[in-house]
C-alpha atoms as a PDB file:
ATOM      1  CA  UNK A   1     134.549 201.441 -78.049  1.00  0.00           C
ATOM      2  CA  UNK A   2     137.507 199.467 -76.585  1.00  0.00           C
ATOM      3  CA  UNK A   3     137.864 196.165 -77.518  1.00  0.00           C
ATOM      4  CA  UNK A   4     136.677 194.650 -73.784  1.00  0.00           C
ATOM      5  CA  UNK A   5     133.294 196.272 -74.514  1.00  0.00           C
ATOM      6  CA  UNK A   6     132.545 194.945 -77.956  1.00  0.00           C
ATOM      7  CA  UNK A   7     131.021 191.534 -78.084  1.00  0.00           C
ATOM      8  CA  UNK A   8     132.866 188.819 -79.538  1.00  0.00           C
ATOM      9  CA  UNK A   9     131.088 186.103 -82.073  1.00  0.00           C
ATOM     10  CA  UNK A  10     132.135 183.471 -79.869  1.00  0.00           C
ATOM     11  CA  UNK A  11     130.218 185.091 -77.040  1.00  0.00           C
ATOM     12  CA  UNK A  12     127.289 185.954 -79.037  1.00  0.00           C
ATOM     13  CA  UNK A  13     127.099 182.147 -80.040  1.00  0.00           C
ATOM     14  CA  UNK A  14     127.790 181.001 -76.514  1.00  0.00           C
ATOM     15  CA  UNK A  15     124.866 183.275 -75.146  1.00  0.00           C
ATOM     16  CA  UNK A  16     122.533 182.179 -78.313  1.00  0.00           C
ATOM     17  CA  UNK A  17     123.355 178.546 -77.468  1.00  0.00           C
ATOM     18  CA  UNK A  18     122.773 178.893 -73.467  1.00  0.00           C
ATOM     19  CA  UNK A  19     119.307 180.420 -74.243  1.00  0.00           C
ATOM     20  CA  UNK A  20     118.382 177.630 -77.160  1.00  0.00           C
ATOM     21  CA  UNK A  21     119.283 175.062 -74.002  1.00  0.00           C
ATOM     22  CA  UNK A  22     117.257 177.006 -71.601  1.00  0.00           C
ATOM     23  CA  UNK A  23     114.339 177.335 -73.739  1.00  0.00           C
ATOM     24  CA  UNK A  24     114.328 173.791 -74.728  1.00  0.00           C
ATOM     25  CA  UNK A  25     114.685 172.450 -71.326  1.00  0.00           C
ATOM     26  CA  UNK A  26     111.758 174.361 -69.935  1.00  0.00           C
ATOM     27  CA  UNK A  27     109.855 172.930 -72.960  1.00  0.00           C
ATOM     28  CA  UNK A  28     110.721 169.594 -71.852  1.00  0.00           C
ATOM     29  CA  UNK A  29     109.722 170.253 -68.381  1.00  0.00           C
ATOM     30  CA  UNK A  30     106.394 171.339 -69.315  1.00  0.00           C
ATOM     31  CA  UNK A  31     105.887 168.380 -71.772  1.00  0.00           C
ATOM     32  CA  UNK A  32     106.575 166.124 -68.642  1.00  0.00           C
ATOM     33  CA  UNK A  33     104.371 167.680 -66.629  1.00  0.00           C
ATOM     34  CA  UNK A  34     101.612 167.786 -69.106  1.00  0.00           C
ATOM     35  CA  UNK A  35     101.872 163.976 -69.342  1.00  0.00           C
ATOM     36  CA  UNK A  36     102.346 163.202 -65.515  1.00  0.00           C
ATOM     37  CA  UNK A  37      99.164 165.671 -65.284  1.00  0.00           C
ATOM     38  CA  UNK A  38      97.183 163.502 -67.588  1.00  0.00           C
ATOM     39  CA  UNK A  39      98.022 160.094 -66.012  1.00  0.00           C
ATOM     40  CA  UNK A  40      97.199 161.266 -62.733  1.00  0.00           C
ATOM     41  CA  UNK A  41      93.975 162.543 -63.728  1.00  0.00           C
ATOM     42  CA  UNK A  42      93.006 159.441 -65.615  1.00  0.00           C
ATOM     43  CA  UNK A  43      93.914 157.290 -62.511  1.00  0.00           C
ATOM     44  CA  UNK A  44      91.963 159.764 -60.233  1.00  0.00           C
ATOM     45  CA  UNK A  45      88.765 159.630 -62.467  1.00  0.00           C
ATOM     46  CA  UNK A  46      89.235 155.682 -62.626  1.00  0.00           C
ATOM     47  CA  UNK A  47      89.107 155.548 -58.794  1.00  0.00           C
ATOM     48  CA  UNK A  48      86.212 157.925 -58.355  1.00  0.00           C
ATOM     49  CA  UNK A  49      83.703 156.203 -60.471  1.00  0.00           C
ATOM     50  CA  UNK A  50      79.887 156.103 -59.046  1.00  0.00           C
ATOM     51  CA  UNK A  51      77.748 152.499 -59.490  1.00  0.00           C
ATOM     52  CA  UNK A  52      75.852 154.058 -62.290  1.00  0.00           C
ATOM     53  CA  UNK A  53      78.828 154.519 -64.476  1.00  0.00           C
ATOM     54  CA  UNK A  54      79.186 150.709 -64.561  1.00  0.00           C
ATOM     55  CA  UNK A  55      75.685 150.757 -66.259  1.00  0.00           C
ATOM     56  CA  UNK A  56      76.154 153.840 -68.166  1.00  0.00           C
ATOM     57  CA  UNK A  57      75.550 151.869 -71.502  1.00  0.00           C
ATOM     58  CA  UNK A  58      73.253 149.148 -70.733  1.00  0.00           C
ATOM     59  CA  UNK A  59      70.565 150.240 -72.537  1.00  0.00           C
ATOM     60  CA  UNK A  60      72.256 150.766 -75.770  1.00  0.00           C
ATOM     61  CA  UNK A  61      71.937 148.045 -78.795  1.00  0.00           C
ATOM     62  CA  UNK A  62      75.139 147.266 -80.659  1.00  0.00           C
ATOM     63  CA  UNK A  63      74.787 146.238 -84.190  1.00  0.00           C
ATOM     64  CA  UNK A  64      75.449 142.621 -84.123  1.00  0.00           C
ATOM     65  CA  UNK A  65      75.826 142.619 -88.278  1.00  0.00           C
ATOM     66  CA  UNK A  66      79.010 144.576 -88.292  1.00  0.00           C
ATOM     67  CA  UNK A  67      81.567 142.911 -90.251  1.00  0.00           C
ATOM     68  CA  UNK A  68      79.440 139.678 -91.401  1.00  0.00           C
ATOM     69  CA  UNK A  69      78.725 140.706 -94.780  1.00  0.00           C
ATOM     70  CA  UNK A  70      75.027 140.902 -94.367  1.00  0.00           C
END
């Protein structure tokens, strides 16, 4: 092997840091995409409620004694 064919430790370190940088960039973009998608889905569901959704828990009885020490 000649000296030009051998990879130096500096080149290997540079390639490793470059790979780590690309992976972290990809993970960051995926995380932002998940957050944005979740917000868009929540807004879509909020705007597309039916009249029945407003009265979905009208018949449920809430415990009024909660926290009163009874």
